Amino acid sequence: AHGAFGTFTEYDYRLRFYNEIYPTEDNKKIYEVPVTIVMSPIAAKELRNLLERQIKEYEEKVGEIKKQDISALRDKK
């Protein structure tokens, strides 16, 4: 997945992972959302805590995770 976004209601939290489909001939970006995870607010908070711990441990061992520029990959298509 190229990215993720989330939405919520008072009942659930929805985390959607998306892939960027390379721009069309008229230069419009298209995204596909192949996965949506629906969880309770408490499960979302537990997931956040898990990710924070694991990312901290990863960065201590491997180094800071930096966002990558994928525009060069798009231009090859």
Protein backbone atom coordinates (compact mmCIF):
# COMPACT_ATOMS: atom_id res chain seq x y z
CA ALA A 1 0.00 0.00 0.00
CA HIS A 2 1.14 3.53 -0.73
CA GLY A 3 -0.75 5.07 2.16
CA ALA A 4 -3.60 4.93 4.62
CA PHE A 5 -6.35 7.12 6.01
CA GLY A 6 -8.95 6.68 8.69
CA THR A 7 -12.45 7.76 9.52
CA PHE A 8 -14.49 7.22 12.64
CA THR A 9 -17.90 7.35 14.22
CA GLU A 10 -18.77 7.00 17.88
CA TYR A 11 -19.10 3.24 17.24
CA ASP A 12 -16.13 2.29 15.08
CA TYR A 13 -12.89 3.34 13.45
CA ARG A 14 -12.21 2.51 9.80
CA LEU A 15 -8.67 2.29 8.54
CA ARG A 16 -8.31 2.18 4.76
CA PHE A 17 -5.12 1.31 2.93
CA TYR A 18 -4.80 2.61 -0.61
CA ASN A 19 -2.65 2.21 -3.68
CA GLU A 20 -2.03 5.11 -6.00
CA ILE A 21 -2.81 4.15 -9.56
CA TYR A 22 -0.57 6.13 -11.84
CA PRO A 23 -2.04 9.26 -13.39
CA THR A 24 -4.33 8.89 -16.36
CA GLU A 25 -3.75 10.57 -19.71
CA ASP A 26 -5.61 13.66 -18.47
CA ASN A 27 -3.25 13.71 -15.44
CA LYS A 28 -5.87 12.70 -12.86
CA LYS A 29 -4.69 10.56 -9.97
CA ILE A 30 -6.69 7.44 -9.28
CA TYR A 31 -6.62 5.52 -6.02
CA GLU A 32 -7.81 2.03 -5.22
CA VAL A 33 -8.72 0.99 -1.68
CA PRO A 34 -8.20 -2.78 -1.55
CA VAL A 35 -8.39 -3.10 2.24
CA THR A 36 -10.62 -1.55 4.91
CA ILE A 37 -10.22 -2.56 8.54
CA VAL A 38 -13.14 -1.83 10.87
CA MET A 39 -12.46 -1.88 14.60
CA SER A 40 -13.82 -0.56 17.87
CA PRO A 41 -12.32 2.66 19.26
CA ILE A 42 -10.50 0.69 21.97
CA ALA A 43 -9.03 -1.68 19.37
CA ALA A 44 -7.87 1.34 17.34
CA LYS A 45 -6.14 2.74 20.43
CA GLU A 46 -4.46 -0.61 21.13
CA LEU A 47 -3.28 -0.75 17.51
CA ARG A 48 -1.83 2.75 17.86
CA ASN A 49 0.02 1.73 21.05
CA LEU A 50 1.39 -1.40 19.38
CA LEU A 51 2.60 0.52 16.34
CA GLU A 52 4.23 3.23 18.47
CA ARG A 53 6.18 0.61 20.45
CA GLN A 54 7.23 -1.36 17.39
CA ILE A 55 8.21 1.71 15.34
CA LYS A 56 10.28 3.06 18.24
CA GLU A 57 12.08 -0.28 18.56
CA TYR A 58 12.63 -0.50 14.81
CA GLU A 59 14.07 3.02 14.58
CA GLU A 60 16.38 2.39 17.53
CA LYS A 61 17.82 -0.63 15.72
CA VAL A 62 17.68 0.41 12.07
CA GLY A 63 17.38 4.21 12.01
CA GLU A 64 14.65 6.74 11.38
CA ILE A 65 11.92 5.79 8.93
CA LYS A 66 11.68 8.53 6.31
CA LYS A 67 8.85 9.06 3.88
CA GLN A 68 9.92 8.10 0.37
CA ASP A 69 9.25 10.11 -2.75
CA ILE A 70 7.64 7.70 -5.22
CA SER A 71 7.22 10.23 -8.04
CA ALA A 72 10.26 8.79 -9.86
CA LEU A 73 8.57 5.39 -9.89
CA ARG A 74 5.37 6.91 -11.30
CA ASP A 75 7.28 8.64 -14.09
CA LYS A 76 8.68 5.30 -15.33
CA LYS A 77 5.24 3.91 -16.15
